[in-house]
């Protein structure tokens, strides 16, 4: 049986681009207070500010799934415009010396409150040393840890295929089938696929043996595709 009750928040999706490279950013807006958090802001500032105004959102926080440039490009702009707090994992800061005004360090299983809305922090290293996913009542914002079609690359500094395997196994245990998955990029599927559908189609979630997963994730001659 799928989740039926109305969540305490609205989740809004915005596609932004830098040349041929595109991202999805997200905004969680508490229905009662209109307080809001924006996740991984990048690239198109005027488009983002128009989106915020249109949704009547009061930005309180920036949530970062990780600190690759395409996910943090506009963090300082959001801080300057809204005096927002910036949430990122302690492991990510320690690994990459990320710094920002209004910085708040996250640990695994922390909860962030935006009005009446609770957001759970899942520490999911693998793509980077301190990647996180944000779990809500019926949504998983997965950054570059999990895509509908695959998972993040593990050959960047701080990346680790064994940790990625462990992180994905944890998501398989924790995320209910009715939860929709909202990744940082799309390679064909629109954001918002049900987790049960992602489980059925995503080969990286079907590899249950760690050694098989590592071998496949780190195979040679992979073709990189720009996200759509």
N, C-alpha and C. Protein backbone atom coordinates (compact mmCIF):
# COMPACT_ATOMS: atom_id res chain seq x y z
N UNK A 1 0.85 -1.20 0.00
CA UNK A 1 0.00 0.00 0.00
C UNK A 1 0.88 1.24 0.00
N UNK A 2 0.60 2.17 -0.91
CA UNK A 2 1.41 3.36 -1.02
C UNK A 2 1.04 4.38 0.06
N UNK A 3 1.96 5.27 0.29
CA UNK A 3 1.76 6.35 1.26
C UNK A 3 0.63 7.25 0.79
N UNK A 4 -0.33 7.58 1.64
CA UNK A 4 -1.53 8.31 1.21
C UNK A 4 -1.68 9.67 1.85
N UNK A 5 -1.21 9.87 3.08
CA UNK A 5 -1.48 11.13 3.75
C UNK A 5 -0.63 12.26 3.17
N UNK A 6 -1.10 13.47 3.36
CA UNK A 6 -0.43 14.65 2.80
C UNK A 6 0.76 15.00 3.68
N UNK A 7 1.95 15.13 3.12
CA UNK A 7 3.12 15.49 3.93
C UNK A 7 3.04 16.94 4.39
N UNK A 8 3.90 17.28 5.33
CA UNK A 8 3.90 18.63 5.91
C UNK A 8 4.59 19.65 5.01
N UNK A 9 5.10 19.21 3.87
CA UNK A 9 5.92 20.06 3.01
C UNK A 9 5.50 19.93 1.55
N UNK A 10 5.94 20.90 0.77
CA UNK A 10 5.93 20.80 -0.68
C UNK A 10 7.37 20.57 -1.13
N UNK A 11 7.56 19.74 -2.13
CA UNK A 11 8.88 19.55 -2.71
C UNK A 11 8.84 20.03 -4.16
N UNK A 12 9.63 21.03 -4.45
CA UNK A 12 9.66 21.63 -5.78
C UNK A 12 10.97 21.29 -6.48
N UNK A 13 10.88 21.06 -7.78
CA UNK A 13 12.00 20.60 -8.59
C UNK A 13 12.32 21.65 -9.64
N UNK A 14 13.61 21.96 -9.80
CA UNK A 14 14.03 22.92 -10.81
C UNK A 14 15.25 22.38 -11.55
N UNK A 15 15.17 22.35 -12.86
CA UNK A 15 16.31 21.96 -13.69
C UNK A 15 17.12 23.20 -14.05
N UNK A 16 18.42 23.15 -13.82
CA UNK A 16 19.31 24.26 -14.14
C UNK A 16 20.45 23.71 -14.98
N UNK A 17 21.12 24.61 -15.72
CA UNK A 17 22.14 24.14 -16.65
C UNK A 17 23.29 25.11 -16.72
N UNK A 18 24.43 24.55 -17.07
CA UNK A 18 25.64 25.31 -17.37
C UNK A 18 26.19 24.75 -18.68
N UNK A 19 25.85 25.39 -19.77
CA UNK A 19 26.18 24.84 -21.07
C UNK A 19 25.40 23.56 -21.33
N UNK A 20 26.12 22.50 -21.66
CA UNK A 20 25.47 21.22 -21.94
C UNK A 20 25.29 20.38 -20.67
N UNK A 21 25.75 20.88 -19.54
CA UNK A 21 25.71 20.13 -18.28
C UNK A 21 24.54 20.61 -17.45
N UNK A 22 23.71 19.69 -16.98
CA UNK A 22 22.51 20.09 -16.24
C UNK A 22 22.44 19.40 -14.88
N UNK A 23 21.76 20.08 -13.96
CA UNK A 23 21.53 19.59 -12.59
C UNK A 23 20.05 19.72 -12.27
N UNK A 24 19.64 18.99 -11.25
CA UNK A 24 18.36 19.25 -10.61
C UNK A 24 18.62 19.77 -9.21
N UNK A 25 17.97 20.88 -8.89
CA UNK A 25 18.00 21.37 -7.52
C UNK A 25 16.59 21.29 -6.96
N UNK A 26 16.50 21.27 -5.65
CA UNK A 26 15.21 21.04 -5.00
C UNK A 26 14.97 22.06 -3.91
N UNK A 27 13.70 22.29 -3.64
CA UNK A 27 13.32 23.19 -2.56
C UNK A 27 12.22 22.53 -1.74
N UNK A 28 12.46 22.43 -0.44
CA UNK A 28 11.48 21.89 0.50
C UNK A 28 10.83 23.08 1.18
N UNK A 29 9.53 23.21 1.04
CA UNK A 29 8.80 24.33 1.62
C UNK A 29 7.79 23.80 2.63
N UNK A 30 7.93 24.19 3.87
CA UNK A 30 6.98 23.79 4.91
C UNK A 30 5.63 24.44 4.62
N UNK A 31 4.57 23.65 4.55
CA UNK A 31 3.26 24.17 4.15
C UNK A 31 2.72 25.22 5.12
N UNK A 32 2.93 25.00 6.41
CA UNK A 32 2.34 25.87 7.41
C UNK A 32 3.04 27.22 7.49
N UNK A 33 4.37 27.20 7.50
CA UNK A 33 5.13 28.43 7.75
C UNK A 33 5.70 29.08 6.50
N UNK A 34 5.81 28.31 5.40
CA UNK A 34 6.49 28.69 4.15
C UNK A 34 7.99 28.81 4.33
N UNK A 35 8.51 28.41 5.50
CA UNK A 35 9.96 28.31 5.64
C UNK A 35 10.46 27.24 4.68
N UNK A 36 11.68 27.43 4.18
CA UNK A 36 12.14 26.55 3.10
C UNK A 36 13.63 26.28 3.17
N UNK A 37 14.02 25.16 2.58
CA UNK A 37 15.42 24.80 2.38
C UNK A 37 15.64 24.53 0.91
N UNK A 38 16.75 24.99 0.39
CA UNK A 38 17.11 24.74 -1.00
C UNK A 38 18.30 23.79 -1.00
N UNK A 39 18.25 22.81 -1.91
CA UNK A 39 19.27 21.76 -1.92
C UNK A 39 20.14 21.90 -3.16
N UNK A 40 21.46 22.01 -2.94
CA UNK A 40 22.49 22.02 -3.98
C UNK A 40 22.28 23.11 -5.03
N UNK A 41 22.21 24.38 -4.62
CA UNK A 41 21.94 25.46 -5.58
C UNK A 41 23.12 25.72 -6.51
N UNK A 42 22.84 25.81 -7.80
CA UNK A 42 23.91 26.04 -8.78
C UNK A 42 23.36 26.66 -10.07
N UNK A 43 24.25 27.33 -10.76
CA UNK A 43 24.20 27.78 -12.14
C UNK A 43 23.31 28.99 -12.45
N UNK A 44 21.99 28.92 -12.33
CA UNK A 44 21.13 29.96 -12.91
C UNK A 44 20.44 30.76 -11.79
N UNK A 45 21.10 31.82 -11.34
CA UNK A 45 20.64 32.56 -10.18
C UNK A 45 19.29 33.23 -10.42
N UNK A 46 19.11 33.90 -11.54
CA UNK A 46 17.83 34.59 -11.78
C UNK A 46 16.68 33.60 -11.87
N UNK A 47 16.91 32.47 -12.48
CA UNK A 47 15.87 31.43 -12.57
C UNK A 47 15.51 30.93 -11.18
N UNK A 48 16.51 30.76 -10.34
CA UNK A 48 16.27 30.26 -8.98
C UNK A 48 15.52 31.28 -8.15
N UNK A 49 15.91 32.55 -8.20
CA UNK A 49 15.23 33.56 -7.40
C UNK A 49 13.78 33.74 -7.85
N UNK A 50 13.52 33.66 -9.14
CA UNK A 50 12.14 33.74 -9.62
C UNK A 50 11.31 32.56 -9.11
N UNK A 51 11.94 31.42 -9.08
CA UNK A 51 11.30 30.18 -8.57
C UNK A 51 10.96 30.33 -7.09
N UNK A 52 11.87 30.86 -6.31
CA UNK A 52 11.64 31.07 -4.88
C UNK A 52 10.47 32.02 -4.65
N UNK A 53 10.45 33.11 -5.39
CA UNK A 53 9.36 34.09 -5.26
C UNK A 53 8.03 33.47 -5.66
N UNK A 54 8.03 32.73 -6.76
CA UNK A 54 6.80 32.11 -7.25
C UNK A 54 6.20 31.14 -6.22
N UNK A 55 7.05 30.45 -5.48
CA UNK A 55 6.58 29.47 -4.51
C UNK A 55 6.33 30.08 -3.12
N UNK A 56 6.51 31.38 -2.99
CA UNK A 56 6.31 32.10 -1.73
C UNK A 56 7.13 31.47 -0.60
N UNK A 57 8.37 31.12 -0.93
CA UNK A 57 9.24 30.44 0.02
C UNK A 57 10.09 31.42 0.81
N UNK A 58 10.27 31.12 2.07
CA UNK A 58 11.14 31.90 2.96
C UNK A 58 12.38 31.04 3.24
N UNK A 59 13.44 31.30 2.49
CA UNK A 59 14.62 30.44 2.56
C UNK A 59 15.33 30.59 3.90
N UNK A 60 15.45 29.49 4.62
CA UNK A 60 16.17 29.45 5.89
C UNK A 60 17.48 28.68 5.79
N UNK A 61 17.55 27.72 4.86
CA UNK A 61 18.67 26.79 4.87
C UNK A 61 19.08 26.38 3.47
N UNK A 62 20.37 26.12 3.33
CA UNK A 62 20.92 25.44 2.16
C UNK A 62 21.38 24.07 2.63
N UNK A 63 20.91 23.02 1.98
CA UNK A 63 21.33 21.66 2.30
C UNK A 63 22.21 21.16 1.16
N UNK A 64 23.38 20.64 1.51
CA UNK A 64 24.32 20.17 0.49
C UNK A 64 24.47 18.65 0.59
N UNK A 65 24.23 17.98 -0.52
CA UNK A 65 24.45 16.53 -0.56
C UNK A 65 25.94 16.22 -0.60
N UNK A 66 26.73 17.10 -1.23
CA UNK A 66 28.18 16.99 -1.26
C UNK A 66 28.72 18.31 -1.82
N UNK A 67 30.04 18.42 -1.95
CA UNK A 67 30.61 19.73 -2.23
C UNK A 67 31.30 19.83 -3.59
N UNK A 68 30.95 18.97 -4.54
CA UNK A 68 31.43 19.19 -5.89
C UNK A 68 30.85 20.51 -6.41
N UNK A 69 31.61 21.18 -7.27
CA UNK A 69 31.30 22.56 -7.64
C UNK A 69 29.91 22.71 -8.25
N UNK A 70 29.47 21.71 -9.01
CA UNK A 70 28.16 21.82 -9.64
C UNK A 70 27.01 21.71 -8.65
N UNK A 71 27.32 21.48 -7.36
CA UNK A 71 26.29 21.42 -6.33
C UNK A 71 26.41 22.56 -5.31
N UNK A 72 27.46 23.35 -5.41
CA UNK A 72 27.66 24.43 -4.43
C UNK A 72 27.87 25.80 -5.08
N UNK A 73 27.76 25.86 -6.39
CA UNK A 73 28.13 27.07 -7.14
C UNK A 73 27.47 28.34 -6.61
N UNK A 74 26.22 28.24 -6.16
CA UNK A 74 25.49 29.44 -5.74
C UNK A 74 25.24 29.50 -4.24
N UNK A 75 25.99 28.73 -3.46
CA UNK A 75 25.78 28.75 -2.01
C UNK A 75 25.97 30.16 -1.46
N UNK A 76 27.05 30.81 -1.81
CA UNK A 76 27.31 32.14 -1.26
C UNK A 76 26.25 33.15 -1.70
N UNK A 77 25.74 33.00 -2.90
CA UNK A 77 24.67 33.90 -3.36
C UNK A 77 23.41 33.74 -2.52
N UNK A 78 23.08 32.49 -2.17
CA UNK A 78 21.90 32.25 -1.32
C UNK A 78 22.12 32.83 0.07
N UNK A 79 23.32 32.67 0.61
CA UNK A 79 23.62 33.23 1.93
C UNK A 79 23.46 34.75 1.91
N UNK A 80 24.02 35.38 0.90
CA UNK A 80 23.95 36.84 0.83
C UNK A 80 22.52 37.34 0.67
N UNK A 81 21.72 36.60 -0.07
CA UNK A 81 20.35 37.04 -0.32
C UNK A 81 19.41 36.76 0.84
N UNK A 82 19.63 35.65 1.56
CA UNK A 82 18.64 35.20 2.54
C UNK A 82 19.22 34.95 3.93
N UNK A 83 20.53 35.14 4.12
CA UNK A 83 21.19 34.84 5.39
C UNK A 83 20.89 33.41 5.83
N UNK A 84 20.93 32.49 4.89
CA UNK A 84 20.58 31.10 5.16
C UNK A 84 21.71 30.37 5.88
N UNK A 85 21.32 29.37 6.68
CA UNK A 85 22.28 28.45 7.28
C UNK A 85 22.66 27.38 6.24
N UNK A 86 23.91 26.94 6.29
CA UNK A 86 24.41 25.98 5.31
C UNK A 86 24.73 24.67 6.02
N UNK A 87 24.06 23.58 5.61
CA UNK A 87 24.21 22.28 6.25
C UNK A 87 24.98 21.33 5.34
N UNK A 88 26.06 20.75 5.87
CA UNK A 88 26.89 19.81 5.13
C UNK A 88 27.51 18.85 6.14
N UNK A 89 27.84 17.66 5.70
CA UNK A 89 28.36 16.68 6.66
C UNK A 89 29.75 17.05 7.15
N UNK A 90 30.02 16.69 8.38
CA UNK A 90 31.34 16.93 8.96
C UNK A 90 32.42 16.20 8.15
N UNK A 91 32.12 14.99 7.71
CA UNK A 91 33.10 14.23 6.94
C UNK A 91 33.45 14.93 5.64
N UNK A 92 32.48 15.56 5.01
CA UNK A 92 32.73 16.28 3.75
C UNK A 92 33.63 17.49 3.99
N UNK A 93 33.37 18.22 5.05
CA UNK A 93 34.17 19.40 5.38
C UNK A 93 35.60 18.99 5.71
N UNK A 94 35.76 17.94 6.49
CA UNK A 94 37.10 17.51 6.88
C UNK A 94 37.89 16.96 5.69
N UNK A 95 37.21 16.30 4.77
CA UNK A 95 37.91 15.70 3.63
C UNK A 95 38.34 16.72 2.59
N UNK A 96 37.54 17.77 2.40
CA UNK A 96 37.78 18.69 1.29
C UNK A 96 37.99 20.14 1.74
N UNK A 97 38.05 20.36 3.05
CA UNK A 97 38.26 21.70 3.60
C UNK A 97 37.24 22.71 3.05
N UNK A 98 36.01 22.25 2.89
CA UNK A 98 34.95 23.16 2.47
C UNK A 98 34.68 24.17 3.58
N UNK A 99 34.50 25.43 3.20
CA UNK A 99 34.19 26.47 4.18
C UNK A 99 33.09 27.36 3.62
N UNK A 100 32.36 27.95 4.53
CA UNK A 100 31.24 28.82 4.16
C UNK A 100 30.82 29.62 5.37
N UNK A 101 30.18 30.73 5.14
CA UNK A 101 29.51 31.42 6.22
C UNK A 101 28.34 30.56 6.71
N UNK A 102 27.95 30.77 7.97
CA UNK A 102 26.75 30.14 8.53
C UNK A 102 26.79 28.62 8.43
N UNK A 103 27.97 28.05 8.58
CA UNK A 103 28.14 26.61 8.36
C UNK A 103 27.64 25.80 9.56
N UNK A 104 26.85 24.78 9.28
CA UNK A 104 26.33 23.84 10.28
C UNK A 104 26.75 22.44 9.88
N UNK A 105 27.47 21.74 10.76
CA UNK A 105 27.99 20.42 10.42
C UNK A 105 27.00 19.33 10.82
N UNK A 106 26.83 18.39 9.91
CA UNK A 106 25.88 17.30 10.10
C UNK A 106 26.58 16.00 10.41
N UNK A 107 25.93 15.19 11.23
CA UNK A 107 26.36 13.82 11.50
C UNK A 107 25.27 12.87 10.99
N UNK A 108 25.66 11.62 10.80
CA UNK A 108 24.68 10.60 10.41
C UNK A 108 23.52 10.58 11.40
N UNK A 109 22.31 10.48 10.87
CA UNK A 109 21.06 10.36 11.62
C UNK A 109 20.61 11.67 12.27
N UNK A 110 21.30 12.76 12.00
CA UNK A 110 20.80 14.06 12.45
C UNK A 110 19.45 14.36 11.81
N UNK A 111 18.72 15.28 12.43
CA UNK A 111 17.46 15.77 11.86
C UNK A 111 17.53 17.29 11.73
N UNK A 112 17.07 17.77 10.60
CA UNK A 112 16.98 19.21 10.34
C UNK A 112 15.50 19.56 10.37
N UNK A 113 15.16 20.65 11.04
CA UNK A 113 13.78 21.11 11.10
C UNK A 113 13.61 22.35 10.25
N UNK A 114 12.64 22.31 9.35
CA UNK A 114 12.22 23.47 8.57
C UNK A 114 10.75 23.67 8.87
N UNK A 115 10.45 24.61 9.76
CA UNK A 115 9.07 24.73 10.24
C UNK A 115 8.66 23.44 10.93
N UNK A 116 7.54 22.86 10.49
CA UNK A 116 7.05 21.60 11.06
C UNK A 116 7.60 20.38 10.33
N UNK A 117 8.49 20.58 9.39
CA UNK A 117 8.99 19.50 8.54
C UNK A 117 10.32 18.98 9.06
N UNK A 118 10.40 17.66 9.21
CA UNK A 118 11.62 17.01 9.68
C UNK A 118 12.33 16.34 8.52
N UNK A 119 13.63 16.57 8.42
CA UNK A 119 14.46 16.00 7.36
C UNK A 119 15.55 15.17 8.03
N UNK A 120 15.62 13.90 7.69
CA UNK A 120 16.63 13.02 8.28
C UNK A 120 17.87 12.96 7.40
N UNK A 121 19.03 12.98 8.04
CA UNK A 121 20.31 12.97 7.34
C UNK A 121 20.83 11.53 7.30
N UNK A 122 21.03 11.02 6.08
CA UNK A 122 21.62 9.70 5.88
C UNK A 122 23.03 9.89 5.33
N UNK A 123 24.03 9.46 6.06
CA UNK A 123 25.41 9.56 5.60
C UNK A 123 25.66 8.45 4.58
N UNK A 124 26.00 8.83 3.34
CA UNK A 124 26.12 7.86 2.25
C UNK A 124 27.41 8.10 1.46
N UNK A 125 28.57 7.88 2.08
CA UNK A 125 29.82 8.08 1.37
C UNK A 125 29.97 7.10 0.21
N UNK A 126 30.83 7.47 -0.72
CA UNK A 126 31.07 6.63 -1.89
C UNK A 126 31.42 7.49 -3.08
N UNK A 127 30.53 8.40 -3.45
CA UNK A 127 30.82 9.37 -4.51
C UNK A 127 31.83 10.39 -4.00
N UNK A 128 31.62 10.86 -2.78
CA UNK A 128 32.60 11.66 -2.05
C UNK A 128 32.71 11.08 -0.64
N UNK A 129 33.67 11.60 0.11
CA UNK A 129 33.93 11.06 1.45
C UNK A 129 32.80 11.31 2.43
N UNK A 130 32.02 12.37 2.20
CA UNK A 130 30.98 12.73 3.15
C UNK A 130 29.64 13.01 2.51
N UNK A 131 29.34 12.35 1.39
CA UNK A 131 28.04 12.53 0.75
C UNK A 131 26.91 12.16 1.70
N UNK A 132 25.80 12.87 1.58
CA UNK A 132 24.60 12.53 2.34
C UNK A 132 23.40 12.49 1.41
N UNK A 133 22.38 11.77 1.84
CA UNK A 133 21.04 11.85 1.27
C UNK A 133 20.11 12.43 2.33
N UNK A 134 19.06 13.08 1.88
CA UNK A 134 18.07 13.66 2.80
C UNK A 134 16.75 12.91 2.63
N UNK A 135 16.28 12.32 3.73
CA UNK A 135 15.07 11.51 3.70
C UNK A 135 13.93 12.26 4.37
N UNK A 136 12.83 12.39 3.63
CA UNK A 136 11.63 13.02 4.13
C UNK A 136 10.51 11.99 4.16
N UNK A 137 9.32 12.49 4.46
CA UNK A 137 8.16 11.61 4.64
C UNK A 137 7.91 10.73 3.42
N UNK A 138 8.02 11.29 2.22
CA UNK A 138 7.80 10.49 1.02
C UNK A 138 8.78 10.84 -0.08
N UNK A 139 9.98 11.31 0.28
CA UNK A 139 10.96 11.70 -0.71
C UNK A 139 12.38 11.43 -0.21
N UNK A 140 13.24 11.02 -1.13
CA UNK A 140 14.67 10.86 -0.87
C UNK A 140 15.41 11.76 -1.85
N UNK A 141 16.12 12.75 -1.31
CA UNK A 141 16.95 13.61 -2.15
C UNK A 141 18.36 13.03 -2.10
N UNK A 142 18.80 12.47 -3.21
CA UNK A 142 19.93 11.55 -3.19
C UNK A 142 21.21 12.10 -3.79
N UNK A 143 21.21 13.36 -4.24
CA UNK A 143 22.43 13.94 -4.77
C UNK A 143 23.05 13.09 -5.86
N UNK A 144 24.37 12.83 -5.75
CA UNK A 144 25.05 11.98 -6.73
C UNK A 144 25.34 10.59 -6.15
N UNK A 145 24.67 10.24 -5.05
CA UNK A 145 24.80 8.88 -4.53
C UNK A 145 23.99 7.91 -5.37
N UNK A 146 22.73 8.24 -5.61
CA UNK A 146 21.84 7.34 -6.33
C UNK A 146 21.09 8.10 -7.40
N UNK A 147 21.18 7.61 -8.63
CA UNK A 147 20.36 8.09 -9.74
C UNK A 147 19.31 7.03 -10.05
N UNK A 148 18.30 7.41 -10.79
CA UNK A 148 17.32 6.41 -11.22
C UNK A 148 17.99 5.32 -12.04
N UNK A 149 19.01 5.72 -12.81
CA UNK A 149 19.63 4.80 -13.76
C UNK A 149 20.96 4.20 -13.27
N UNK A 150 21.47 4.64 -12.14
CA UNK A 150 22.78 4.16 -11.71
C UNK A 150 23.17 4.75 -10.36
N UNK A 151 24.47 4.95 -10.18
CA UNK A 151 24.97 5.59 -8.96
C UNK A 151 26.16 6.45 -9.34
N UNK A 152 26.59 7.28 -8.40
CA UNK A 152 27.67 8.21 -8.68
C UNK A 152 29.00 7.51 -8.91
N UNK A 153 29.87 8.19 -9.68
CA UNK A 153 31.21 7.67 -9.90
C UNK A 153 31.99 7.67 -8.59
N UNK A 154 32.93 6.75 -8.48
CA UNK A 154 33.68 6.58 -7.23
C UNK A 154 35.18 6.79 -7.42
N UNK A 155 35.58 7.37 -8.54
CA UNK A 155 37.01 7.54 -8.82
C UNK A 155 37.48 8.98 -8.67
N UNK A 156 36.65 9.84 -8.08
CA UNK A 156 37.09 11.18 -7.73
C UNK A 156 37.83 11.12 -6.38
N UNK A 157 38.62 12.15 -6.05
CA UNK A 157 39.28 12.16 -4.74
C UNK A 157 38.26 11.97 -3.61
N UNK A 158 38.54 11.04 -2.73
CA UNK A 158 37.64 10.74 -1.63
C UNK A 158 36.55 9.75 -1.96
N UNK A 159 36.39 9.43 -3.24
CA UNK A 159 35.40 8.43 -3.63
C UNK A 159 35.88 7.03 -3.27
N UNK A 160 34.92 6.12 -3.11
CA UNK A 160 35.29 4.77 -2.68
C UNK A 160 34.15 3.83 -3.05
N UNK A 161 34.41 2.85 -3.92
CA UNK A 161 33.36 1.95 -4.40
C UNK A 161 32.83 1.05 -3.29
N UNK A 162 33.69 0.64 -2.37
CA UNK A 162 33.22 -0.19 -1.26
C UNK A 162 32.26 0.59 -0.37
N UNK A 163 32.60 1.85 -0.10
CA UNK A 163 31.67 2.68 0.68
C UNK A 163 30.38 2.92 -0.08
N UNK A 164 30.45 3.09 -1.41
CA UNK A 164 29.23 3.26 -2.20
C UNK A 164 28.35 2.02 -2.08
N UNK A 165 28.95 0.85 -2.17
CA UNK A 165 28.17 -0.38 -2.00
C UNK A 165 27.46 -0.39 -0.66
N UNK A 166 28.18 -0.08 0.40
CA UNK A 166 27.59 -0.07 1.73
C UNK A 166 26.48 0.96 1.85
N UNK A 167 26.68 2.12 1.24
CA UNK A 167 25.66 3.18 1.29
C UNK A 167 24.39 2.75 0.56
N UNK A 168 24.53 2.14 -0.60
CA UNK A 168 23.36 1.70 -1.35
C UNK A 168 22.64 0.56 -0.64
N UNK A 169 23.39 -0.31 -0.01
CA UNK A 169 22.75 -1.38 0.77
C UNK A 169 21.95 -0.79 1.93
N UNK A 170 22.48 0.25 2.55
CA UNK A 170 21.74 0.91 3.62
C UNK A 170 20.45 1.52 3.10
N UNK A 171 20.51 2.18 1.95
CA UNK A 171 19.30 2.76 1.38
C UNK A 171 18.27 1.67 1.08
N UNK A 172 18.71 0.55 0.60
CA UNK A 172 17.79 -0.56 0.32
C UNK A 172 17.08 -1.02 1.59
N UNK A 173 17.78 -0.97 2.72
CA UNK A 173 17.17 -1.38 3.99
C UNK A 173 16.22 -0.33 4.54
N UNK A 174 16.53 0.95 4.34
CA UNK A 174 15.84 2.02 5.04
C UNK A 174 14.70 2.68 4.26
N UNK A 175 14.83 2.76 2.95
CA UNK A 175 13.90 3.58 2.17
C UNK A 175 12.67 2.76 1.79
N UNK A 176 11.48 3.22 2.18
CA UNK A 176 10.26 2.50 1.82
C UNK A 176 10.01 2.54 0.31
N UNK A 177 9.31 1.56 -0.22
CA UNK A 177 9.10 1.49 -1.67
C UNK A 177 8.31 2.65 -2.25
N UNK A 178 7.44 3.28 -1.43
CA UNK A 178 6.61 4.38 -1.93
C UNK A 178 7.34 5.72 -1.99
N UNK A 179 8.53 5.79 -1.43
CA UNK A 179 9.29 7.04 -1.44
C UNK A 179 9.77 7.33 -2.86
N UNK A 180 9.68 8.60 -3.24
CA UNK A 180 10.16 9.01 -4.56
C UNK A 180 11.61 9.48 -4.46
N UNK A 181 12.39 9.17 -5.48
CA UNK A 181 13.82 9.47 -5.49
C UNK A 181 14.08 10.70 -6.36
N UNK A 182 14.79 11.68 -5.76
CA UNK A 182 15.10 12.93 -6.44
C UNK A 182 16.62 13.11 -6.47
N UNK A 183 17.27 12.69 -7.56
CA UNK A 183 18.72 12.77 -7.65
C UNK A 183 19.20 14.12 -8.18
N UNK A 184 20.52 14.29 -8.13
CA UNK A 184 21.11 15.53 -8.61
C UNK A 184 21.16 15.64 -10.12
N UNK A 185 21.08 14.51 -10.81
CA UNK A 185 21.15 14.49 -12.27
C UNK A 185 20.21 13.43 -12.81
N UNK A 186 19.86 13.58 -14.08
CA UNK A 186 19.07 12.57 -14.78
C UNK A 186 19.84 12.10 -16.00
N UNK A 187 19.76 10.81 -16.25
CA UNK A 187 20.36 10.22 -17.44
C UNK A 187 19.29 9.54 -18.29
N UNK A 188 18.09 10.06 -18.20
CA UNK A 188 16.98 9.55 -19.00
C UNK A 188 15.66 9.53 -18.27
N UNK A 189 15.67 9.17 -16.99
CA UNK A 189 14.45 9.12 -16.18
C UNK A 189 14.23 10.45 -15.47
N UNK A 190 13.00 10.89 -15.41
CA UNK A 190 12.67 12.12 -14.70
C UNK A 190 12.82 11.91 -13.19
N UNK A 191 13.21 12.95 -12.45
CA UNK A 191 13.23 12.84 -10.98
C UNK A 191 11.84 12.50 -10.45
N UNK A 192 11.82 11.79 -9.32
CA UNK A 192 10.55 11.46 -8.69
C UNK A 192 10.09 10.05 -8.94
N UNK A 193 10.99 9.17 -9.40
CA UNK A 193 10.62 7.75 -9.56
C UNK A 193 10.45 7.10 -8.19
N UNK A 194 9.48 6.20 -8.09
CA UNK A 194 9.32 5.46 -6.84
C UNK A 194 10.56 4.59 -6.59
N UNK A 195 10.93 4.49 -5.32
CA UNK A 195 12.11 3.70 -4.99
C UNK A 195 11.95 2.25 -5.44
N UNK A 196 10.75 1.70 -5.34
CA UNK A 196 10.55 0.32 -5.77
C UNK A 196 10.83 0.17 -7.26
N UNK A 197 10.52 1.19 -8.06
CA UNK A 197 10.81 1.13 -9.50
C UNK A 197 12.30 1.27 -9.76
N UNK A 198 12.96 2.12 -9.00
CA UNK A 198 14.41 2.26 -9.13
C UNK A 198 15.08 0.93 -8.77
N UNK A 199 14.60 0.28 -7.72
CA UNK A 199 15.14 -1.02 -7.32
C UNK A 199 15.03 -2.04 -8.45
N UNK A 200 13.93 -2.00 -9.17
CA UNK A 200 13.69 -2.98 -10.23
C UNK A 200 14.58 -2.75 -11.44
N UNK A 201 14.96 -1.47 -11.72
CA UNK A 201 15.64 -1.15 -12.97
C UNK A 201 17.11 -0.80 -12.82
N UNK A 202 17.56 -0.51 -11.60
CA UNK A 202 18.91 -0.01 -11.40
C UNK A 202 19.84 -1.18 -11.05
N UNK A 203 20.77 -1.47 -11.95
CA UNK A 203 21.64 -2.63 -11.76
C UNK A 203 22.49 -2.51 -10.50
N UNK A 204 22.85 -1.28 -10.11
CA UNK A 204 23.71 -1.12 -8.94
C UNK A 204 22.99 -1.50 -7.65
N UNK A 205 21.67 -1.44 -7.65
CA UNK A 205 20.91 -1.88 -6.48
C UNK A 205 20.65 -3.38 -6.50
N UNK A 206 20.94 -4.02 -7.62
CA UNK A 206 20.71 -5.45 -7.75
C UNK A 206 21.96 -6.28 -7.49
N UNK A 207 23.12 -5.62 -7.40
CA UNK A 207 24.37 -6.32 -7.14
C UNK A 207 24.54 -6.47 -5.62
N UNK A 208 24.32 -7.67 -5.10
CA UNK A 208 24.31 -7.91 -3.66
C UNK A 208 25.65 -8.35 -3.10
N UNK A 209 26.58 -8.69 -3.97
CA UNK A 209 27.91 -9.10 -3.51
C UNK A 209 28.87 -7.92 -3.70
N UNK A 210 29.56 -7.58 -2.62
CA UNK A 210 30.42 -6.40 -2.64
C UNK A 210 31.48 -6.47 -3.73
N UNK A 211 32.10 -7.61 -3.90
CA UNK A 211 33.17 -7.71 -4.90
C UNK A 211 32.65 -7.53 -6.31
N UNK A 212 31.44 -8.02 -6.58
CA UNK A 212 30.84 -7.84 -7.90
C UNK A 212 30.52 -6.37 -8.14
N UNK A 213 29.98 -5.73 -7.11
CA UNK A 213 29.65 -4.31 -7.23
C UNK A 213 30.91 -3.49 -7.52
N UNK A 214 31.96 -3.70 -6.75
CA UNK A 214 33.18 -2.91 -6.92
C UNK A 214 33.77 -3.12 -8.31
N UNK A 215 33.80 -4.36 -8.76
CA UNK A 215 34.35 -4.66 -10.07
C UNK A 215 33.55 -3.97 -11.18
N UNK A 216 32.23 -3.99 -11.04
CA UNK A 216 31.38 -3.38 -12.07
C UNK A 216 31.44 -1.85 -12.01
N UNK A 217 31.40 -1.28 -10.82
CA UNK A 217 31.43 0.17 -10.69
C UNK A 217 32.76 0.74 -11.19
N UNK A 218 33.86 0.04 -10.99
CA UNK A 218 35.18 0.54 -11.33
C UNK A 218 35.71 -0.04 -12.65
N UNK A 219 34.82 -0.64 -13.45
CA UNK A 219 35.27 -1.22 -14.71
C UNK A 219 35.89 -0.16 -15.62
N UNK A 220 36.77 -0.59 -16.49
CA UNK A 220 37.48 0.34 -17.38
C UNK A 220 36.61 0.68 -18.59
N UNK A 221 37.00 1.76 -19.26
CA UNK A 221 36.40 2.19 -20.52
C UNK A 221 34.92 2.51 -20.41
N UNK A 222 34.51 3.05 -19.26
CA UNK A 222 33.14 3.52 -19.15
C UNK A 222 32.98 4.81 -19.95
N UNK A 223 31.85 4.95 -20.58
CA UNK A 223 31.56 6.14 -21.39
C UNK A 223 30.80 7.13 -20.54
N UNK A 224 31.37 8.33 -20.35
CA UNK A 224 30.69 9.36 -19.56
C UNK A 224 29.65 10.07 -20.42
N UNK A 225 28.45 10.18 -19.91
CA UNK A 225 27.39 10.91 -20.60
C UNK A 225 27.02 12.17 -19.82
N UNK A 226 26.87 13.27 -20.52
CA UNK A 226 26.38 14.46 -19.84
C UNK A 226 24.96 14.21 -19.35
N UNK A 227 24.66 14.61 -18.11
CA UNK A 227 23.28 14.45 -17.64
C UNK A 227 22.32 15.28 -18.44
N UNK A 228 21.08 14.82 -18.53
CA UNK A 228 20.07 15.49 -19.34
C UNK A 228 19.31 16.53 -18.50
